[in-house]
Amino acid sequence: MVRILIVDDEKEIADLLEFYLQNEGYDILKVNSGEEALQIINNHKIDLAILDVMLPDIDGFSILKQIREKYFYPVIMLTAKVENMDKIMGLTIGADDYITKPFNPLELIARVKTQIRRTKLYNKDIEPDSIDINGLYINKNSHKVNLYGKEIDLTPLEYNILLYLAKNRGNVISSEKLFTNVWGERYLDNNNTVMAHIARLREKLNEDARKPKFIKTVWGVGYIIE
């Protein structure tokens, strides 16, 4: 599902955007300040951002600059300002579109769809650089893992186990296949290494051993992230 971040300190506008975008089937994250926006940006997978320029703490241009230091998803600037220099500045920094208030919600929806369509066409053969699974965020570039916004300290081996299961999300991975692909060695039937590392990984993810949320055991078969 496409996830859209809405950043606007005017609650009525943010709620209006959320209503229209949710009706189109998009997953919405909505915040009212720049600080909240940066926390979401750094800890969640975002597919498109609608960013107000005038915020109470950090202006939209500064947030846009920080987005463009790491990410390439579309950003639509939303503002009451109509000066051409503001539009030029936003587009120069890296905004993909610019809409002034008041606006027609249906026009904004159309522009959102255009940006998402362009992104999908451009990135259709590019593997994403991050994986987001219900609050578990894996950044493949930095090799960092965040759980509900808090960084989890994993060993390189634990990270590789988690990444392999996440990349094969929805598929049951046997202990043999996991060991062969992560350790790069021949698996022996009496090898309990995988089980021990899965247990340690679950512990770091604060998993309930009886009802794990992320790494589930399919008894007699292997492990799966659903």
C-alpha atoms as a PDB file:
ATOM      1  CA  MET A   1       0.000   0.000   0.000  1.00  0.00           C
ATOM      2  CA  VAL A   2       1.218   3.502  -0.840  1.00  0.00           C
ATOM      3  CA  ARG A   3       1.995   5.513   2.296  1.00  0.00           C
ATOM      4  CA  ILE A   4       1.624   9.298   2.242  1.00  0.00           C
ATOM      5  CA  LEU A   5       2.915  11.704   4.875  1.00  0.00           C
ATOM      6  CA  ILE A   6       0.867  14.870   5.449  1.00  0.00           C
ATOM      7  CA  VAL A   7       2.634  17.709   7.272  1.00  0.00           C
ATOM      8  CA  ASP A   8       0.427  20.746   7.980  1.00  0.00           C
ATOM      9  CA  ASP A   9      -0.153  22.717  11.167  1.00  0.00           C
ATOM     10  CA  GLU A  10      -3.705  23.642  10.079  1.00  0.00           C
ATOM     11  CA  LYS A  11      -5.769  20.757  11.431  1.00  0.00           C
ATOM     12  CA  GLU A  12      -8.727  21.368   9.120  1.00  0.00           C
ATOM     13  CA  ILE A  13      -6.535  21.140   6.019  1.00  0.00           C
ATOM     14  CA  ALA A  14      -4.648  18.089   7.280  1.00  0.00           C
ATOM     15  CA  ASP A  15      -7.935  16.333   8.110  1.00  0.00           C
ATOM     16  CA  LEU A  16      -9.379  17.245   4.691  1.00  0.00           C
ATOM     17  CA  LEU A  17      -6.339  15.825   2.889  1.00  0.00           C
ATOM     18  CA  GLU A  18      -6.454  12.689   5.031  1.00  0.00           C
ATOM     19  CA  PHE A  19     -10.141  12.163   4.199  1.00  0.00           C
ATOM     20  CA  TYR A  20      -9.700  12.465   0.439  1.00  0.00           C
ATOM     21  CA  LEU A  21      -6.490  10.411   0.288  1.00  0.00           C
ATOM     22  CA  GLN A  22      -7.839   7.605   2.474  1.00  0.00           C
ATOM     23  CA  ASN A  23     -10.849   7.400   0.179  1.00  0.00           C
ATOM     24  CA  GLU A  24      -8.373   6.692  -2.633  1.00  0.00           C
ATOM     25  CA  GLY A  25      -6.961   3.756  -0.666  1.00  0.00           C
ATOM     26  CA  TYR A  26      -3.733   5.379   0.549  1.00  0.00           C
ATOM     27  CA  ASP A  27      -2.167   4.753   3.963  1.00  0.00           C
ATOM     28  CA  ILE A  28      -1.840   8.115   5.738  1.00  0.00           C
ATOM     29  CA  LEU A  29       0.590   9.416   8.355  1.00  0.00           C
ATOM     30  CA  LYS A  30      -0.404  12.897   9.548  1.00  0.00           C
ATOM     31  CA  VAL A  31       1.557  15.325  11.742  1.00  0.00           C
ATOM     32  CA  ASN A  32       1.285  19.014  12.607  1.00  0.00           C
ATOM     33  CA  SER A  33       4.898  20.042  13.225  1.00  0.00           C
ATOM     34  CA  GLY A  34       8.327  19.804  11.658  1.00  0.00           C
ATOM     35  CA  GLU A  35       9.819  17.848  14.559  1.00  0.00           C
ATOM     36  CA  GLU A  36       7.118  15.196  14.290  1.00  0.00           C
ATOM     37  CA  ALA A  37       7.635  15.095  10.535  1.00  0.00           C
ATOM     38  CA  LEU A  38      11.376  14.419  10.877  1.00  0.00           C
ATOM     39  CA  GLN A  39      10.741  11.555  13.307  1.00  0.00           C
ATOM     40  CA  ILE A  40       8.325   9.947  10.845  1.00  0.00           C
ATOM     41  CA  ILE A  41      10.642  10.543   7.882  1.00  0.00           C
ATOM     42  CA  ASN A  42      13.605   8.913   9.609  1.00  0.00           C
ATOM     43  CA  ASN A  43      11.744   5.913  10.998  1.00  0.00           C
ATOM     44  CA  HIS A  44       9.086   4.974   8.455  1.00  0.00           C
ATOM     45  CA  LYS A  45       8.914   4.099   4.797  1.00  0.00           C
ATOM     46  CA  ILE A  46       7.266   6.974   2.930  1.00  0.00           C
ATOM     47  CA  ASP A  47       6.118   6.890  -0.699  1.00  0.00           C
ATOM     48  CA  LEU A  48       5.100  10.560  -1.021  1.00  0.00           C
ATOM     49  CA  ALA A  49       5.049  13.618   1.247  1.00  0.00           C
ATOM     50  CA  ILE A  50       2.703  16.615   1.200  1.00  0.00           C
ATOM     51  CA  LEU A  51       4.650  19.295   3.006  1.00  0.00           C
ATOM     52  CA  ASP A  52       3.426  22.693   4.210  1.00  0.00           C
ATOM     53  CA  VAL A  53       6.031  25.449   3.991  1.00  0.00           C
ATOM     54  CA  MET A  54       4.886  27.461   7.016  1.00  0.00           C
ATOM     55  CA  LEU A  55       5.182  25.330  10.161  1.00  0.00           C
ATOM     56  CA  PRO A  56       5.413  26.486  13.796  1.00  0.00           C
ATOM     57  CA  ASP A  57       8.894  25.081  14.466  1.00  0.00           C
ATOM     58  CA  ILE A  58      10.816  24.088  11.318  1.00  0.00           C
ATOM     59  CA  ASP A  59       9.977  25.529   7.906  1.00  0.00           C
ATOM     60  CA  GLY A  60       9.071  23.190   5.087  1.00  0.00           C
ATOM     61  CA  PHE A  61      12.112  24.086   3.004  1.00  0.00           C
ATOM     62  CA  SER A  62      14.448  22.878   5.778  1.00  0.00           C
ATOM     63  CA  ILE A  63      12.532  19.604   6.057  1.00  0.00           C
ATOM     64  CA  LEU A  64      12.664  19.189   2.282  1.00  0.00           C
ATOM     65  CA  LYS A  65      16.446  19.607   2.346  1.00  0.00           C
ATOM     66  CA  GLN A  66      16.764  16.857   4.951  1.00  0.00           C
ATOM     67  CA  ILE A  67      14.500  14.562   2.952  1.00  0.00           C
ATOM     68  CA  ARG A  68      16.601  15.037  -0.173  1.00  0.00           C
ATOM     69  CA  GLU A  69      19.793  14.143   1.718  1.00  0.00           C
ATOM     70  CA  LYS A  70      18.526  10.538   2.000  1.00  0.00           C
ATOM     71  CA  TYR A  71      15.372   9.925  -0.013  1.00  0.00           C
ATOM     72  CA  PHE A  72      14.020  10.337  -3.534  1.00  0.00           C
ATOM     73  CA  TYR A  73      10.268   9.915  -3.076  1.00  0.00           C
ATOM     74  CA  PRO A  74       8.016  12.711  -4.441  1.00  0.00           C
ATOM     75  CA  VAL A  75       7.374  15.793  -2.316  1.00  0.00           C
ATOM     76  CA  ILE A  76       4.479  18.166  -2.987  1.00  0.00           C
ATOM     77  CA  MET A  77       4.835  21.548  -1.302  1.00  0.00           C
ATOM     78  CA  LEU A  78       1.607  23.053   0.047  1.00  0.00           C
ATOM     79  CA  THR A  79       1.527  26.708   1.102  1.00  0.00           C
ATOM     80  CA  ALA A  80      -0.442  29.925   1.269  1.00  0.00           C
ATOM     81  CA  LYS A  81       2.494  31.765  -0.276  1.00  0.00           C
ATOM     82  CA  VAL A  82       2.121  32.686  -3.933  1.00  0.00           C
ATOM     83  CA  GLU A  83       5.452  34.404  -4.560  1.00  0.00           C
ATOM     84  CA  ASN A  84       7.306  32.966  -7.558  1.00  0.00           C
ATOM     85  CA  MET A  85      10.604  32.959  -5.656  1.00  0.00           C
ATOM     86  CA  ASP A  86       9.164  30.565  -3.088  1.00  0.00           C
ATOM     87  CA  LYS A  87       8.073  28.208  -5.843  1.00  0.00           C
ATOM     88  CA  ILE A  88      11.460  28.460  -7.521  1.00  0.00           C
ATOM     89  CA  MET A  89      13.245  27.817  -4.217  1.00  0.00           C
ATOM     90  CA  GLY A  90      11.116  24.768  -3.442  1.00  0.00           C
ATOM     91  CA  LEU A  91      11.579  23.273  -6.887  1.00  0.00           C
ATOM     92  CA  THR A  92      15.306  24.008  -6.804  1.00  0.00           C
ATOM     93  CA  ILE A  93      15.764  22.253  -3.461  1.00  0.00           C
ATOM     94  CA  GLY A  94      13.977  19.203  -4.758  1.00  0.00           C
ATOM     95  CA  ALA A  95      10.199  19.570  -4.589  1.00  0.00           C
ATOM     96  CA  ASP A  96       8.317  17.711  -7.321  1.00  0.00           C
ATOM     97  CA  ASP A  97       5.215  19.910  -7.323  1.00  0.00           C
ATOM     98  CA  TYR A  98       3.882  23.051  -5.672  1.00  0.00           C
ATOM     99  CA  ILE A  99       0.250  23.833  -4.757  1.00  0.00           C
ATOM    100  CA  THR A 100      -0.988  27.053  -3.166  1.00  0.00           C
ATOM    101  CA  LYS A 101      -3.848  27.395  -0.675  1.00  0.00           C
ATOM    102  CA  PRO A 102      -6.791  27.466  -1.108  1.00  0.00           C
ATOM    103  CA  PHE A 103      -6.763  24.445  -3.398  1.00  0.00           C
ATOM    104  CA  ASN A 104      -9.182  22.033  -5.010  1.00  0.00           C
ATOM    105  CA  PRO A 105      -8.813  18.663  -3.226  1.00  0.00           C
ATOM    106  CA  LEU A 106      -9.576  16.785  -6.440  1.00  0.00           C
ATOM    107  CA  GLU A 107      -6.746  18.618  -8.216  1.00  0.00           C
ATOM    108  CA  LEU A 108      -4.349  17.697  -5.429  1.00  0.00           C
ATOM    109  CA  ILE A 109      -5.455  14.051  -5.630  1.00  0.00           C
ATOM    110  CA  ALA A 110      -4.775  14.100  -9.365  1.00  0.00           C
ATOM    111  CA  ARG A 111      -1.290  15.495  -8.787  1.00  0.00           C
ATOM    112  CA  VAL A 112      -0.583  12.895  -6.102  1.00  0.00           C
ATOM    113  CA  LYS A 113      -1.574  10.112  -8.505  1.00  0.00           C
ATOM    114  CA  THR A 114       0.643  11.608 -11.216  1.00  0.00           C
ATOM    115  CA  GLN A 115       3.685  11.692  -8.931  1.00  0.00           C
ATOM    116  CA  ILE A 116       3.132   8.141  -7.692  1.00  0.00           C
ATOM    117  CA  ARG A 117       2.686   6.876 -11.260  1.00  0.00           C
ATOM    118  CA  ARG A 118       5.921   8.550 -12.361  1.00  0.00           C
ATOM    119  CA  THR A 119       7.806   7.122  -9.384  1.00  0.00           C
ATOM    120  CA  LYS A 120       6.574   3.589 -10.069  1.00  0.00           C
ATOM    121  CA  LEU A 121       7.582   3.813 -13.715  1.00  0.00           C
ATOM    122  CA  TYR A 122      11.034   5.121 -12.808  1.00  0.00           C
ATOM    123  CA  ASN A 123      11.673   2.649 -10.006  1.00  0.00           C
ATOM    124  CA  LYS A 124      10.010  -0.471 -11.399  1.00  0.00           C
ATOM    125  CA  ASP A 125      13.366  -2.250 -11.820  1.00  0.00           C
ATOM    126  CA  ILE A 126      15.063  -0.796  -8.737  1.00  0.00           C
ATOM    127  CA  GLU A 127      15.031  -2.774  -5.494  1.00  0.00           C
ATOM    128  CA  PRO A 128      13.869  -0.584  -2.582  1.00  0.00           C
ATOM    129  CA  ASP A 129      16.558   0.466  -0.113  1.00  0.00           C
ATOM    130  CA  SER A 130      14.365  -0.098   2.936  1.00  0.00           C
ATOM    131  CA  ILE A 131      11.764  -2.507   4.273  1.00  0.00           C
ATOM    132  CA  ASP A 132       8.936  -1.475   6.596  1.00  0.00           C
ATOM    133  CA  ILE A 133       6.903  -4.211   8.295  1.00  0.00           C
ATOM    134  CA  ASN A 134       4.299  -2.873  10.719  1.00  0.00           C
ATOM    135  CA  GLY A 135       6.708  -0.631  12.628  1.00  0.00           C
ATOM    136  CA  LEU A 136       9.821  -2.736  12.029  1.00  0.00           C
ATOM    137  CA  TYR A 137      11.988  -0.629   9.706  1.00  0.00           C
ATOM    138  CA  ILE A 138      15.097  -2.074   8.026  1.00  0.00           C
ATOM    139  CA  ASN A 139      17.416   0.325   6.191  1.00  0.00           C
ATOM    140  CA  LYS A 140      19.549  -1.687   3.763  1.00  0.00           C
ATOM    141  CA  ASN A 141      21.936   1.205   3.113  1.00  0.00           C
ATOM    142  CA  SER A 142      22.840   2.001   6.719  1.00  0.00           C
ATOM    143  CA  HIS A 143      22.236  -1.555   8.011  1.00  0.00           C
ATOM    144  CA  LYS A 144      20.172  -0.041  10.828  1.00  0.00           C
ATOM    145  CA  VAL A 145      16.965  -1.499  12.235  1.00  0.00           C
ATOM    146  CA  ASN A 146      14.304   0.531  14.047  1.00  0.00           C
ATOM    147  CA  LEU A 147      11.353  -0.860  15.968  1.00  0.00           C
ATOM    148  CA  TYR A 148       8.568   1.689  16.527  1.00  0.00           C
ATOM    149  CA  GLY A 149      11.073   4.506  16.106  1.00  0.00           C
ATOM    150  CA  LYS A 150      13.733   3.077  18.441  1.00  0.00           C
ATOM    151  CA  GLU A 151      16.983   1.722  16.998  1.00  0.00           C
ATOM    152  CA  ILE A 152      17.675  -1.953  17.722  1.00  0.00           C
ATOM    153  CA  ASP A 153      21.293  -3.011  18.267  1.00  0.00           C
ATOM    154  CA  LEU A 154      21.866  -6.122  16.146  1.00  0.00           C
ATOM    155  CA  THR A 155      25.022  -8.007  15.301  1.00  0.00           C
ATOM    156  CA  PRO A 156      25.843  -8.271  11.575  1.00  0.00           C
ATOM    157  CA  LEU A 157      24.684 -11.900  11.612  1.00  0.00           C
ATOM    158  CA  GLU A 158      21.392 -11.064  13.327  1.00  0.00           C
ATOM    159  CA  TYR A 159      20.837  -8.245  10.838  1.00  0.00           C
ATOM    160  CA  ASN A 160      21.454 -10.605   7.894  1.00  0.00           C
ATOM    161  CA  ILE A 161      19.014 -13.173   9.286  1.00  0.00           C
ATOM    162  CA  LEU A 162      16.322 -10.540   9.742  1.00  0.00           C
ATOM    163  CA  LEU A 163      16.958  -9.027   6.312  1.00  0.00           C
ATOM    164  CA  TYR A 164      16.792 -12.406   4.567  1.00  0.00           C
ATOM    165  CA  LEU A 165      13.485 -13.271   6.235  1.00  0.00           C
ATOM    166  CA  ALA A 166      12.102  -9.796   5.498  1.00  0.00           C
ATOM    167  CA  LYS A 167      13.127  -9.937   1.820  1.00  0.00           C
ATOM    168  CA  ASN A 168      11.320 -13.272   1.605  1.00  0.00           C
ATOM    169  CA  ARG A 169       8.297 -12.002   3.508  1.00  0.00           C
ATOM    170  CA  GLY A 170       5.311 -14.307   3.165  1.00  0.00           C
ATOM    171  CA  ASN A 171       7.439 -17.373   2.415  1.00  0.00           C
ATOM    172  CA  VAL A 172       8.383 -20.064   4.910  1.00  0.00           C
ATOM    173  CA  ILE A 173      12.187 -20.358   5.053  1.00  0.00           C
ATOM    174  CA  SER A 174      13.637 -23.620   6.306  1.00  0.00           C
ATOM    175  CA  SER A 175      16.525 -23.653   8.775  1.00  0.00           C
ATOM    176  CA  GLU A 176      18.655 -25.263   6.096  1.00  0.00           C
ATOM    177  CA  LYS A 177      17.911 -22.577   3.529  1.00  0.00           C
ATOM    178  CA  LEU A 178      18.421 -19.798   6.077  1.00  0.00           C
ATOM    179  CA  PHE A 179      21.754 -21.225   7.211  1.00  0.00           C
ATOM    180  CA  THR A 180      22.986 -21.837   3.670  1.00  0.00           C
ATOM    181  CA  ASN A 181      22.143 -18.296   2.496  1.00  0.00           C
ATOM    182  CA  VAL A 182      23.164 -16.338   5.616  1.00  0.00           C
ATOM    183  CA  TRP A 183      26.148 -18.334   6.916  1.00  0.00           C
ATOM    184  CA  GLY A 184      27.205 -19.533   3.452  1.00  0.00           C
ATOM    185  CA  GLU A 185      28.052 -22.999   4.771  1.00  0.00           C
ATOM    186  CA  ARG A 186      26.649 -26.513   4.478  1.00  0.00           C
ATOM    187  CA  TYR A 187      23.838 -27.183   6.929  1.00  0.00           C
ATOM    188  CA  LEU A 188      23.889 -30.230   9.251  1.00  0.00           C
ATOM    189  CA  ASP A 189      20.677 -31.723  10.626  1.00  0.00           C
ATOM    190  CA  ASN A 190      21.842 -31.468  14.224  1.00  0.00           C
ATOM    191  CA  ASN A 191      22.826 -27.814  13.851  1.00  0.00           C
ATOM    192  CA  ASN A 192      20.991 -25.675  16.443  1.00  0.00           C
ATOM    193  CA  THR A 193      22.746 -22.457  15.426  1.00  0.00           C
ATOM    194  CA  VAL A 194      19.740 -21.074  13.530  1.00  0.00           C
ATOM    195  CA  MET A 195      17.359 -21.748  16.425  1.00  0.00           C
ATOM    196  CA  ALA A 196      19.679 -20.021  18.891  1.00  0.00           C
ATOM    197  CA  HIS A 197      20.083 -16.927  16.727  1.00  0.00           C
ATOM    198  CA  ILE A 198      16.343 -16.702  16.045  1.00  0.00           C
ATOM    199  CA  ALA A 199      15.705 -16.832  19.797  1.00  0.00           C
ATOM    200  CA  ARG A 200      18.237 -14.039  20.406  1.00  0.00           C
ATOM    201  CA  LEU A 201      16.784 -11.965  17.580  1.00  0.00           C
ATOM    202  CA  ARG A 202      13.268 -12.339  18.956  1.00  0.00           C
ATOM    203  CA  GLU A 203      14.519 -11.245  22.355  1.00  0.00           C
ATOM    204  CA  LYS A 204      15.960  -8.034  20.899  1.00  0.00           C
ATOM    205  CA  LEU A 205      12.675  -7.392  19.040  1.00  0.00           C
ATOM    206  CA  ASN A 206      10.770  -7.833  22.340  1.00  0.00           C
ATOM    207  CA  GLU A 207       8.892 -10.747  20.819  1.00  0.00           C
ATOM    208  CA  ASP A 208       6.501 -12.857  22.889  1.00  0.00           C
ATOM    209  CA  ALA A 209       7.949 -16.372  22.528  1.00  0.00           C
ATOM    210  CA  ARG A 210       4.449 -17.891  22.406  1.00  0.00           C
ATOM    211  CA  LYS A 211       2.905 -15.297  20.107  1.00  0.00           C
ATOM    212  CA  PRO A 212       5.665 -13.584  18.105  1.00  0.00           C
ATOM    213  CA  LYS A 213       4.534 -10.641  16.006  1.00  0.00           C
ATOM    214  CA  PHE A 214       7.313 -10.685  13.431  1.00  0.00           C
ATOM    215  CA  ILE A 215       9.318 -13.924  13.184  1.00  0.00           C
ATOM    216  CA  LYS A 216       6.913 -16.859  13.410  1.00  0.00           C
ATOM    217  CA  THR A 217       7.764 -20.538  13.576  1.00  0.00           C
ATOM    218  CA  VAL A 218       6.095 -23.006  11.234  1.00  0.00           C
ATOM    219  CA  TRP A 219       6.765 -26.185  13.169  1.00  0.00           C
ATOM    220  CA  GLY A 220       8.638 -28.819  11.220  1.00  0.00           C
ATOM    221  CA  VAL A 221       9.169 -26.428   8.309  1.00  0.00           C
ATOM    222  CA  GLY A 222      10.981 -23.231   9.264  1.00  0.00           C
ATOM    223  CA  TYR A 223      10.408 -19.511   9.898  1.00  0.00           C
ATOM    224  CA  ILE A 224       8.309 -16.810   8.294  1.00  0.00           C
ATOM    225  CA  ILE A 225       7.688 -13.080   8.485  1.00  0.00           C
ATOM    226  CA  GLU A 226       4.091 -12.704   7.329  1.00  0.00           C
END
